[in-house]
């Protein structure tokens, strides 16, 4: 499994990138969607009511997100109280959902760097755009430049998020430009999510050299005399045909839960995709 942590400035196009990644096969876990679910739980509703009063509830006793936002962004104390209430449960729910997933997963988290990426995020993508562009995109939500500034004072500076991210997507151009950037990144992420291990019996160095020469797999240190390789699941039929030619028994192919980022990236560079 490969987990891409996706974050971005307000109005920069993070959700659009998430949608483009989804079109390329990613399973998207949306932190905002999880928060909406938390606000339907009585314990969270009651916590907000005790903190801010009945005004944050509608006539049916449901949370009004706009009322919560107006109070949370009023001061540092209120903002941090809300973050303490929600961030832990959001990441816990994401981790719970990840347990049943495989392949490429995108965790869309607005405050990824402010909260600190959890251990299960392999790489991060930060989507940004200029302040005028973001203000224009947020106008329909009633968020002008002043409102954006008021909210973003609680966030890390853009320069710091650029420094922390593995990949930065600047989204001041057209949707077509954004789609091409997402496609380039997504191709690698999808292959990293489809990278797995397989064992072989027999064939010796000849089989390993043939795999390497065809850029089908990367040889890893052997285990009890067996060949251990790292390759792409979608290329496994080619591996199986080569194994048959060398009279090699391929014992299994398994998608590991975790791969070290450096190991996975180095292997990807050696494979024919």
C-alpha atoms as a PDB file:
ATOM      1  CA  UNK A   1       0.000   0.000   0.000  1.00  0.00           C
ATOM      2  CA  UNK A   2       1.122   3.544  -0.718  1.00  0.00           C
ATOM      3  CA  UNK A   3      -0.488   6.467   1.117  1.00  0.00           C
ATOM      4  CA  UNK A   4      -0.245   9.960  -0.356  1.00  0.00           C
ATOM      5  CA  UNK A   5      -0.976  12.713   2.136  1.00  0.00           C
ATOM      6  CA  UNK A   6      -2.694  15.525   0.224  1.00  0.00           C
ATOM      7  CA  UNK A   7      -3.062  19.039   1.616  1.00  0.00           C
ATOM      8  CA  UNK A   8      -3.304  22.579   0.317  1.00  0.00           C
ATOM      9  CA  UNK A   9      -4.198  26.187   0.908  1.00  0.00           C
ATOM     10  CA  UNK A  10      -7.838  27.240   1.067  1.00  0.00           C
ATOM     11  CA  UNK A  11      -9.075  27.539  -2.510  1.00  0.00           C
ATOM     12  CA  UNK A  12      -5.848  26.239  -4.050  1.00  0.00           C
ATOM     13  CA  UNK A  13      -7.524  23.211  -5.639  1.00  0.00           C
ATOM     14  CA  UNK A  14      -6.737  20.394  -3.229  1.00  0.00           C
ATOM     15  CA  UNK A  15     -10.100  18.699  -3.716  1.00  0.00           C
ATOM     16  CA  UNK A  16      -9.733  18.969  -7.492  1.00  0.00           C
ATOM     17  CA  UNK A  17      -6.385  17.187  -7.268  1.00  0.00           C
ATOM     18  CA  UNK A  18      -8.001  14.543  -5.055  1.00  0.00           C
ATOM     19  CA  UNK A  19     -10.653  14.013  -7.730  1.00  0.00           C
ATOM     20  CA  UNK A  20      -8.003  13.732 -10.447  1.00  0.00           C
ATOM     21  CA  UNK A  21      -6.121  11.181  -8.343  1.00  0.00           C
ATOM     22  CA  UNK A  22      -9.363   9.261  -7.824  1.00  0.00           C
ATOM     23  CA  UNK A  23      -9.827   9.155 -11.612  1.00  0.00           C
ATOM     24  CA  UNK A  24      -6.426   7.467 -11.802  1.00  0.00           C
ATOM     25  CA  UNK A  25      -7.486   4.735  -9.382  1.00  0.00           C
ATOM     26  CA  UNK A  26      -6.715   6.110  -5.931  1.00  0.00           C
ATOM     27  CA  UNK A  27      -8.986   5.464  -2.980  1.00  0.00           C
ATOM     28  CA  UNK A  28      -9.525   8.873  -1.355  1.00  0.00           C
ATOM     29  CA  UNK A  29     -10.040   9.273   2.388  1.00  0.00           C
ATOM     30  CA  UNK A  30     -11.408  12.769   2.992  1.00  0.00           C
ATOM     31  CA  UNK A  31     -10.781  14.268   6.436  1.00  0.00           C
ATOM     32  CA  UNK A  32     -13.578  16.801   5.947  1.00  0.00           C
ATOM     33  CA  UNK A  33     -16.027  13.990   5.234  1.00  0.00           C
ATOM     34  CA  UNK A  34     -14.926  12.243   8.428  1.00  0.00           C
ATOM     35  CA  UNK A  35     -15.415  15.474  10.382  1.00  0.00           C
ATOM     36  CA  UNK A  36     -18.959  15.695   9.055  1.00  0.00           C
ATOM     37  CA  UNK A  37     -19.502  12.207  10.405  1.00  0.00           C
ATOM     38  CA  UNK A  38     -18.078  13.141  13.805  1.00  0.00           C
ATOM     39  CA  UNK A  39     -20.497  16.055  14.029  1.00  0.00           C
ATOM     40  CA  UNK A  40     -23.332  13.543  13.826  1.00  0.00           C
ATOM     41  CA  UNK A  41     -22.108  11.784  16.959  1.00  0.00           C
ATOM     42  CA  UNK A  42     -23.838  12.929  20.163  1.00  0.00           C
ATOM     43  CA  UNK A  43     -20.597  13.250  22.151  1.00  0.00           C
ATOM     44  CA  UNK A  44     -19.125  15.765  19.696  1.00  0.00           C
ATOM     45  CA  UNK A  45     -22.367  17.696  19.370  1.00  0.00           C
ATOM     46  CA  UNK A  46     -22.591  17.978  23.146  1.00  0.00           C
ATOM     47  CA  UNK A  47     -18.959  19.091  23.437  1.00  0.00           C
ATOM     48  CA  UNK A  48     -19.596  21.919  20.969  1.00  0.00           C
ATOM     49  CA  UNK A  49     -22.846  22.905  22.695  1.00  0.00           C
ATOM     50  CA  UNK A  50     -21.183  23.096  26.093  1.00  0.00           C
ATOM     51  CA  UNK A  51     -18.338  25.154  24.617  1.00  0.00           C
ATOM     52  CA  UNK A  52     -20.316  27.603  22.480  1.00  0.00           C
ATOM     53  CA  UNK A  53     -23.956  27.302  23.439  1.00  0.00           C
ATOM     54  CA  UNK A  54     -27.138  26.414  21.600  1.00  0.00           C
ATOM     55  CA  UNK A  55     -26.316  28.896  18.816  1.00  0.00           C
ATOM     56  CA  UNK A  56     -24.100  26.347  17.067  1.00  0.00           C
ATOM     57  CA  UNK A  57     -27.093  23.997  16.657  1.00  0.00           C
ATOM     58  CA  UNK A  58     -29.994  24.201  14.238  1.00  0.00           C
ATOM     59  CA  UNK A  59     -33.634  23.721  15.235  1.00  0.00           C
ATOM     60  CA  UNK A  60     -33.232  19.955  15.122  1.00  0.00           C
ATOM     61  CA  UNK A  61     -30.149  19.973  17.338  1.00  0.00           C
ATOM     62  CA  UNK A  62     -27.646  19.389  14.537  1.00  0.00           C
ATOM     63  CA  UNK A  63     -24.296  21.139  14.267  1.00  0.00           C
ATOM     64  CA  UNK A  64     -24.183  24.163  11.975  1.00  0.00           C
ATOM     65  CA  UNK A  65     -20.672  24.101  10.450  1.00  0.00           C
ATOM     66  CA  UNK A  66     -20.726  27.824   9.622  1.00  0.00           C
ATOM     67  CA  UNK A  67     -21.553  28.683  13.256  1.00  0.00           C
ATOM     68  CA  UNK A  68     -18.725  26.446  14.473  1.00  0.00           C
ATOM     69  CA  UNK A  69     -16.285  28.039  12.016  1.00  0.00           C
ATOM     70  CA  UNK A  70     -17.170  31.589  13.076  1.00  0.00           C
ATOM     71  CA  UNK A  71     -16.405  30.725  16.685  1.00  0.00           C
ATOM     72  CA  UNK A  72     -13.366  28.556  16.071  1.00  0.00           C
ATOM     73  CA  UNK A  73     -11.612  31.222  14.005  1.00  0.00           C
ATOM     74  CA  UNK A  74     -12.377  33.948  16.550  1.00  0.00           C
ATOM     75  CA  UNK A  75      -9.316  33.306  18.724  1.00  0.00           C
ATOM     76  CA  UNK A  76      -6.325  31.058  19.197  1.00  0.00           C
ATOM     77  CA  UNK A  77      -7.924  29.392  22.202  1.00  0.00           C
ATOM     78  CA  UNK A  78     -11.117  28.446  20.393  1.00  0.00           C
ATOM     79  CA  UNK A  79      -9.248  27.257  17.324  1.00  0.00           C
ATOM     80  CA  UNK A  80      -6.903  25.004  19.281  1.00  0.00           C
ATOM     81  CA  UNK A  81      -9.789  23.638  21.341  1.00  0.00           C
ATOM     82  CA  UNK A  82     -11.543  22.543  18.150  1.00  0.00           C
ATOM     83  CA  UNK A  83      -8.349  21.024  16.730  1.00  0.00           C
ATOM     84  CA  UNK A  84      -7.802  19.054  19.948  1.00  0.00           C
ATOM     85  CA  UNK A  85     -11.385  17.786  19.766  1.00  0.00           C
ATOM     86  CA  UNK A  86     -11.286  16.601  16.150  1.00  0.00           C
ATOM     87  CA  UNK A  87      -7.786  15.817  14.917  1.00  0.00           C
ATOM     88  CA  UNK A  88      -7.146  12.688  16.964  1.00  0.00           C
ATOM     89  CA  UNK A  89     -10.467  11.011  16.086  1.00  0.00           C
ATOM     90  CA  UNK A  90     -10.086  11.954  12.403  1.00  0.00           C
ATOM     91  CA  UNK A  91      -6.675  10.275  12.091  1.00  0.00           C
ATOM     92  CA  UNK A  92      -7.874   7.293  14.112  1.00  0.00           C
ATOM     93  CA  UNK A  93     -10.814   6.803  11.735  1.00  0.00           C
ATOM     94  CA  UNK A  94      -8.523   7.135   8.713  1.00  0.00           C
ATOM     95  CA  UNK A  95      -6.187   4.530  10.165  1.00  0.00           C
ATOM     96  CA  UNK A  96      -9.143   2.220  10.819  1.00  0.00           C
ATOM     97  CA  UNK A  97     -10.270   2.510   7.184  1.00  0.00           C
ATOM     98  CA  UNK A  98      -6.739   1.948   5.900  1.00  0.00           C
ATOM     99  CA  UNK A  99      -6.677  -1.448   7.590  1.00  0.00           C
ATOM    100  CA  UNK A 100      -9.055  -2.813   4.937  1.00  0.00           C
ATOM    101  CA  UNK A 101      -7.427  -1.108   1.930  1.00  0.00           C
ATOM    102  CA  UNK A 102      -4.523  -1.850  -0.385  1.00  0.00           C
ATOM    103  CA  UNK A 103      -2.912  -0.246  -3.421  1.00  0.00           C
ATOM    104  CA  UNK A 104      -2.790   3.533  -3.689  1.00  0.00           C
ATOM    105  CA  UNK A 105      -4.639   5.574  -1.081  1.00  0.00           C
ATOM    106  CA  UNK A 106      -4.902   9.374  -0.859  1.00  0.00           C
ATOM    107  CA  UNK A 107      -5.481  10.918   2.565  1.00  0.00           C
ATOM    108  CA  UNK A 108      -6.923  14.381   1.927  1.00  0.00           C
ATOM    109  CA  UNK A 109      -6.195  16.393   5.086  1.00  0.00           C
ATOM    110  CA  UNK A 110      -6.440  20.226   5.112  1.00  0.00           C
ATOM    111  CA  UNK A 111      -4.243  20.575   8.218  1.00  0.00           C
ATOM    112  CA  UNK A 112      -1.806  17.772   7.436  1.00  0.00           C
ATOM    113  CA  UNK A 113       1.355  19.712   8.264  1.00  0.00           C
ATOM    114  CA  UNK A 114      -0.173  21.641  11.157  1.00  0.00           C
ATOM    115  CA  UNK A 115      -1.214  18.340  12.778  1.00  0.00           C
ATOM    116  CA  UNK A 116       1.881  16.461  11.694  1.00  0.00           C
ATOM    117  CA  UNK A 117       1.631  13.658   9.098  1.00  0.00           C
ATOM    118  CA  UNK A 118       0.892  10.316  10.807  1.00  0.00           C
ATOM    119  CA  UNK A 119       3.255   7.393  10.432  1.00  0.00           C
ATOM    120  CA  UNK A 120       1.154   5.761   7.713  1.00  0.00           C
ATOM    121  CA  UNK A 121       1.630   8.619   5.211  1.00  0.00           C
ATOM    122  CA  UNK A 122       4.386   7.693   2.757  1.00  0.00           C
ATOM    123  CA  UNK A 123       4.662  10.931   0.759  1.00  0.00           C
ATOM    124  CA  UNK A 124       3.000  14.326   0.851  1.00  0.00           C
ATOM    125  CA  UNK A 125       1.616  16.654  -1.830  1.00  0.00           C
ATOM    126  CA  UNK A 126       0.981  20.333  -1.136  1.00  0.00           C
ATOM    127  CA  UNK A 127      -1.339  22.251  -3.492  1.00  0.00           C
ATOM    128  CA  UNK A 128      -0.931  26.014  -3.540  1.00  0.00           C
ATOM    129  CA  UNK A 129      -1.939  29.066  -5.564  1.00  0.00           C
ATOM    130  CA  UNK A 130      -1.527  32.822  -5.326  1.00  0.00           C
ATOM    131  CA  UNK A 131      -3.687  34.789  -2.874  1.00  0.00           C
ATOM    132  CA  UNK A 132      -5.677  36.597  -5.629  1.00  0.00           C
ATOM    133  CA  UNK A 133      -6.420  33.296  -7.364  1.00  0.00           C
ATOM    134  CA  UNK A 134      -7.583  31.660  -4.154  1.00  0.00           C
ATOM    135  CA  UNK A 135      -9.720  34.672  -3.202  1.00  0.00           C
ATOM    136  CA  UNK A 136     -11.423  34.539  -6.601  1.00  0.00           C
ATOM    137  CA  UNK A 137     -12.118  30.825  -6.274  1.00  0.00           C
ATOM    138  CA  UNK A 138     -13.546  31.234  -2.776  1.00  0.00           C
ATOM    139  CA  UNK A 139     -15.807  34.188  -3.578  1.00  0.00           C
ATOM    140  CA  UNK A 140     -18.831  31.923  -4.070  1.00  0.00           C
ATOM    141  CA  UNK A 141     -18.321  30.612  -0.521  1.00  0.00           C
ATOM    142  CA  UNK A 142     -18.403  34.104   0.923  1.00  0.00           C
ATOM    143  CA  UNK A 143     -14.677  34.039   1.695  1.00  0.00           C
ATOM    144  CA  UNK A 144     -12.969  37.149   0.370  1.00  0.00           C
ATOM    145  CA  UNK A 145      -9.323  38.055   0.877  1.00  0.00           C
ATOM    146  CA  UNK A 146      -9.944  39.335   4.406  1.00  0.00           C
ATOM    147  CA  UNK A 147     -11.729  36.139   5.443  1.00  0.00           C
ATOM    148  CA  UNK A 148      -8.959  34.007   3.972  1.00  0.00           C
ATOM    149  CA  UNK A 149      -6.306  35.974   5.836  1.00  0.00           C
ATOM    150  CA  UNK A 150      -8.259  35.650   9.085  1.00  0.00           C
ATOM    151  CA  UNK A 151      -8.354  31.874   8.726  1.00  0.00           C
ATOM    152  CA  UNK A 152      -4.857  31.395   7.408  1.00  0.00           C
ATOM    153  CA  UNK A 153      -3.242  33.176  10.328  1.00  0.00           C
ATOM    154  CA  UNK A 154      -3.728  29.889  12.207  1.00  0.00           C
ATOM    155  CA  UNK A 155      -1.906  27.901   9.543  1.00  0.00           C
ATOM    156  CA  UNK A 156       1.740  27.313   8.754  1.00  0.00           C
ATOM    157  CA  UNK A 157       3.222  29.757   6.221  1.00  0.00           C
ATOM    158  CA  UNK A 158       3.214  28.604   2.629  1.00  0.00           C
ATOM    159  CA  UNK A 159       7.020  28.609   2.533  1.00  0.00           C
ATOM    160  CA  UNK A 160       7.125  26.164   5.444  1.00  0.00           C
ATOM    161  CA  UNK A 161       4.603  23.832   3.844  1.00  0.00           C
ATOM    162  CA  UNK A 162       6.600  23.915   0.617  1.00  0.00           C
ATOM    163  CA  UNK A 163       9.663  22.896   2.593  1.00  0.00           C
ATOM    164  CA  UNK A 164       7.922  20.006   4.308  1.00  0.00           C
ATOM    165  CA  UNK A 165       6.120  18.581   1.257  1.00  0.00           C
ATOM    166  CA  UNK A 166       7.651  15.909  -0.937  1.00  0.00           C
ATOM    167  CA  UNK A 167       5.836  17.422  -3.932  1.00  0.00           C
ATOM    168  CA  UNK A 168       4.398  20.893  -4.550  1.00  0.00           C
ATOM    169  CA  UNK A 169       1.624  21.568  -7.066  1.00  0.00           C
ATOM    170  CA  UNK A 170       1.307  25.230  -8.080  1.00  0.00           C
ATOM    171  CA  UNK A 171      -2.241  25.717  -9.343  1.00  0.00           C
ATOM    172  CA  UNK A 172      -2.515  29.181 -10.862  1.00  0.00           C
ATOM    173  CA  UNK A 173      -2.923  27.928 -14.422  1.00  0.00           C
ATOM    174  CA  UNK A 174      -5.693  26.026 -16.203  1.00  0.00           C
ATOM    175  CA  UNK A 175      -7.379  22.795 -15.240  1.00  0.00           C
ATOM    176  CA  UNK A 176      -5.603  21.116 -18.151  1.00  0.00           C
ATOM    177  CA  UNK A 177      -2.204  22.059 -16.698  1.00  0.00           C
ATOM    178  CA  UNK A 178      -3.264  20.804 -13.281  1.00  0.00           C
ATOM    179  CA  UNK A 179      -4.507  17.532 -14.777  1.00  0.00           C
ATOM    180  CA  UNK A 180      -1.165  16.913 -16.495  1.00  0.00           C
ATOM    181  CA  UNK A 181       0.696  17.482 -13.232  1.00  0.00           C
ATOM    182  CA  UNK A 182      -1.674  15.176 -11.367  1.00  0.00           C
ATOM    183  CA  UNK A 183      -1.271  12.518 -14.053  1.00  0.00           C
ATOM    184  CA  UNK A 184       2.519  12.600 -13.768  1.00  0.00           C
ATOM    185  CA  UNK A 185       2.451  12.314  -9.984  1.00  0.00           C
ATOM    186  CA  UNK A 186      -0.384   9.812 -10.009  1.00  0.00           C
ATOM    187  CA  UNK A 187       1.399   7.409 -12.330  1.00  0.00           C
ATOM    188  CA  UNK A 188       4.218   7.031  -9.821  1.00  0.00           C
ATOM    189  CA  UNK A 189       1.909   6.843  -6.805  1.00  0.00           C
ATOM    190  CA  UNK A 190      -0.226   4.154  -8.464  1.00  0.00           C
ATOM    191  CA  UNK A 191       2.844   2.053  -9.270  1.00  0.00           C
ATOM    192  CA  UNK A 192       4.233   2.495  -5.768  1.00  0.00           C
ATOM    193  CA  UNK A 193       0.883   1.252  -4.464  1.00  0.00           C
ATOM    194  CA  UNK A 194       1.070  -1.702  -6.826  1.00  0.00           C
ATOM    195  CA  UNK A 195       4.588  -2.745  -5.867  1.00  0.00           C
ATOM    196  CA  UNK A 196       4.960  -6.099  -4.180  1.00  0.00           C
ATOM    197  CA  UNK A 197       7.241  -8.943  -3.233  1.00  0.00           C
ATOM    198  CA  UNK A 198       7.527 -12.394  -4.741  1.00  0.00           C
ATOM    199  CA  UNK A 199       9.595 -15.473  -3.961  1.00  0.00           C
ATOM    200  CA  UNK A 200      11.036 -17.927  -6.436  1.00  0.00           C
ATOM    201  CA  UNK A 201      12.629 -21.367  -6.265  1.00  0.00           C
ATOM    202  CA  UNK A 202      15.299 -22.326  -8.767  1.00  0.00           C
ATOM    203  CA  UNK A 203      16.686 -20.405 -11.685  1.00  0.00           C
ATOM    204  CA  UNK A 204      19.639 -19.037  -9.769  1.00  0.00           C
ATOM    205  CA  UNK A 205      21.469 -15.995 -11.040  1.00  0.00           C
ATOM    206  CA  UNK A 206      20.216 -16.516 -14.579  1.00  0.00           C
ATOM    207  CA  UNK A 207      16.619 -15.855 -13.628  1.00  0.00           C
ATOM    208  CA  UNK A 208      17.548 -12.836 -11.500  1.00  0.00           C
ATOM    209  CA  UNK A 209      19.640 -11.396 -14.321  1.00  0.00           C
ATOM    210  CA  UNK A 210      16.793 -11.913 -16.800  1.00  0.00           C
ATOM    211  CA  UNK A 211      14.382 -10.097 -14.470  1.00  0.00           C
ATOM    212  CA  UNK A 212      16.833  -7.230 -14.062  1.00  0.00           C
ATOM    213  CA  UNK A 213      17.619  -7.093 -17.778  1.00  0.00           C
ATOM    214  CA  UNK A 214      13.922  -6.888 -18.601  1.00  0.00           C
ATOM    215  CA  UNK A 215      13.426  -4.361 -15.832  1.00  0.00           C
ATOM    216  CA  UNK A 216      10.682  -6.572 -14.420  1.00  0.00           C
ATOM    217  CA  UNK A 217      11.899  -6.787 -10.833  1.00  0.00           C
ATOM    218  CA  UNK A 218      14.606  -5.770  -8.420  1.00  0.00           C
ATOM    219  CA  UNK A 219      16.475  -8.525  -6.615  1.00  0.00           C
ATOM    220  CA  UNK A 220      16.630  -8.310  -2.832  1.00  0.00           C
ATOM    221  CA  UNK A 221      18.880 -10.247  -0.413  1.00  0.00           C
ATOM    222  CA  UNK A 222      17.953 -13.941  -0.587  1.00  0.00           C
ATOM    223  CA  UNK A 223      15.979 -15.730   2.087  1.00  0.00           C
ATOM    224  CA  UNK A 224      16.976 -19.365   2.813  1.00  0.00           C
ATOM    225  CA  UNK A 225      18.274 -19.775  -0.724  1.00  0.00           C
ATOM    226  CA  UNK A 226      15.086 -18.509  -2.317  1.00  0.00           C
ATOM    227  CA  UNK A 227      15.012 -15.547  -4.685  1.00  0.00           C
ATOM    228  CA  UNK A 228      13.300 -12.483  -3.237  1.00  0.00           C
ATOM    229  CA  UNK A 229      12.209  -9.769  -5.665  1.00  0.00           C
ATOM    230  CA  UNK A 230      10.367  -6.465  -5.700  1.00  0.00           C
ATOM    231  CA  UNK A 231       8.212  -5.696  -8.725  1.00  0.00           C
ATOM    232  CA  UNK A 232       4.932  -4.310  -9.991  1.00  0.00           C
ATOM    233  CA  UNK A 233       1.754  -6.335  -9.652  1.00  0.00           C
ATOM    234  CA  UNK A 234       0.569  -5.389 -13.136  1.00  0.00           C
ATOM    235  CA  UNK A 235       3.813  -6.796 -14.619  1.00  0.00           C
ATOM    236  CA  UNK A 236       3.480 -10.101 -12.804  1.00  0.00           C
ATOM    237  CA  UNK A 237       2.156 -11.965 -15.897  1.00  0.00           C
ATOM    238  CA  UNK A 238       5.457 -11.098 -17.613  1.00  0.00           C
ATOM    239  CA  UNK A 239       7.358 -12.363 -14.561  1.00  0.00           C
ATOM    240  CA  UNK A 240       5.367 -15.602 -14.634  1.00  0.00           C
ATOM    241  CA  UNK A 241       6.130 -16.168 -18.330  1.00  0.00           C
ATOM    242  CA  UNK A 242       9.835 -15.571 -17.711  1.00  0.00           C
ATOM    243  CA  UNK A 243       9.769 -17.929 -14.736  1.00  0.00           C
ATOM    244  CA  UNK A 244       8.228 -20.637 -16.924  1.00  0.00           C
ATOM    245  CA  UNK A 245      10.984 -20.186 -19.485  1.00  0.00           C
ATOM    246  CA  UNK A 246      13.594 -20.666 -16.749  1.00  0.00           C
ATOM    247  CA  UNK A 247      11.685 -23.542 -15.087  1.00  0.00           C
ATOM    248  CA  UNK A 248      11.364 -21.467 -11.970  1.00  0.00           C
ATOM    249  CA  UNK A 249       8.600 -21.862  -9.405  1.00  0.00           C
ATOM    250  CA  UNK A 250       7.213 -18.519  -8.312  1.00  0.00           C
ATOM    251  CA  UNK A 251       5.700 -19.108  -4.901  1.00  0.00           C
ATOM    252  CA  UNK A 252       3.682 -15.990  -4.241  1.00  0.00           C
ATOM    253  CA  UNK A 253       3.120 -12.356  -4.952  1.00  0.00           C
ATOM    254  CA  UNK A 254       2.180 -10.172  -2.010  1.00  0.00           C
ATOM    255  CA  UNK A 255       1.462  -6.454  -1.682  1.00  0.00           C
ATOM    256  CA  UNK A 256       3.162  -5.439   1.571  1.00  0.00           C
ATOM    257  CA  UNK A 257       1.437  -3.102   3.995  1.00  0.00           C
ATOM    258  CA  UNK A 258       4.500  -0.893   4.278  1.00  0.00           C
ATOM    259  CA  UNK A 259       7.543  -0.185   2.113  1.00  0.00           C
ATOM    260  CA  UNK A 260      10.311   2.207   3.088  1.00  0.00           C
ATOM    261  CA  UNK A 261      10.046   5.271   0.871  1.00  0.00           C
ATOM    262  CA  UNK A 262      13.681   5.225  -0.219  1.00  0.00           C
ATOM    263  CA  UNK A 263      13.610   1.521  -1.060  1.00  0.00           C
ATOM    264  CA  UNK A 264      10.371   1.841  -3.002  1.00  0.00           C
ATOM    265  CA  UNK A 265      11.520   4.881  -4.976  1.00  0.00           C
ATOM    266  CA  UNK A 266      14.881   3.321  -5.864  1.00  0.00           C
ATOM    267  CA  UNK A 267      13.159   0.141  -7.025  1.00  0.00           C
ATOM    268  CA  UNK A 268      10.687   2.138  -9.119  1.00  0.00           C
ATOM    269  CA  UNK A 269      13.554   3.773 -11.006  1.00  0.00           C
ATOM    270  CA  UNK A 270      14.814   0.328 -12.036  1.00  0.00           C
ATOM    271  CA  UNK A 271      11.518  -1.008 -13.386  1.00  0.00           C
ATOM    272  CA  UNK A 272      10.094  -0.808 -16.904  1.00  0.00           C
ATOM    273  CA  UNK A 273       6.678   0.807 -16.615  1.00  0.00           C
END
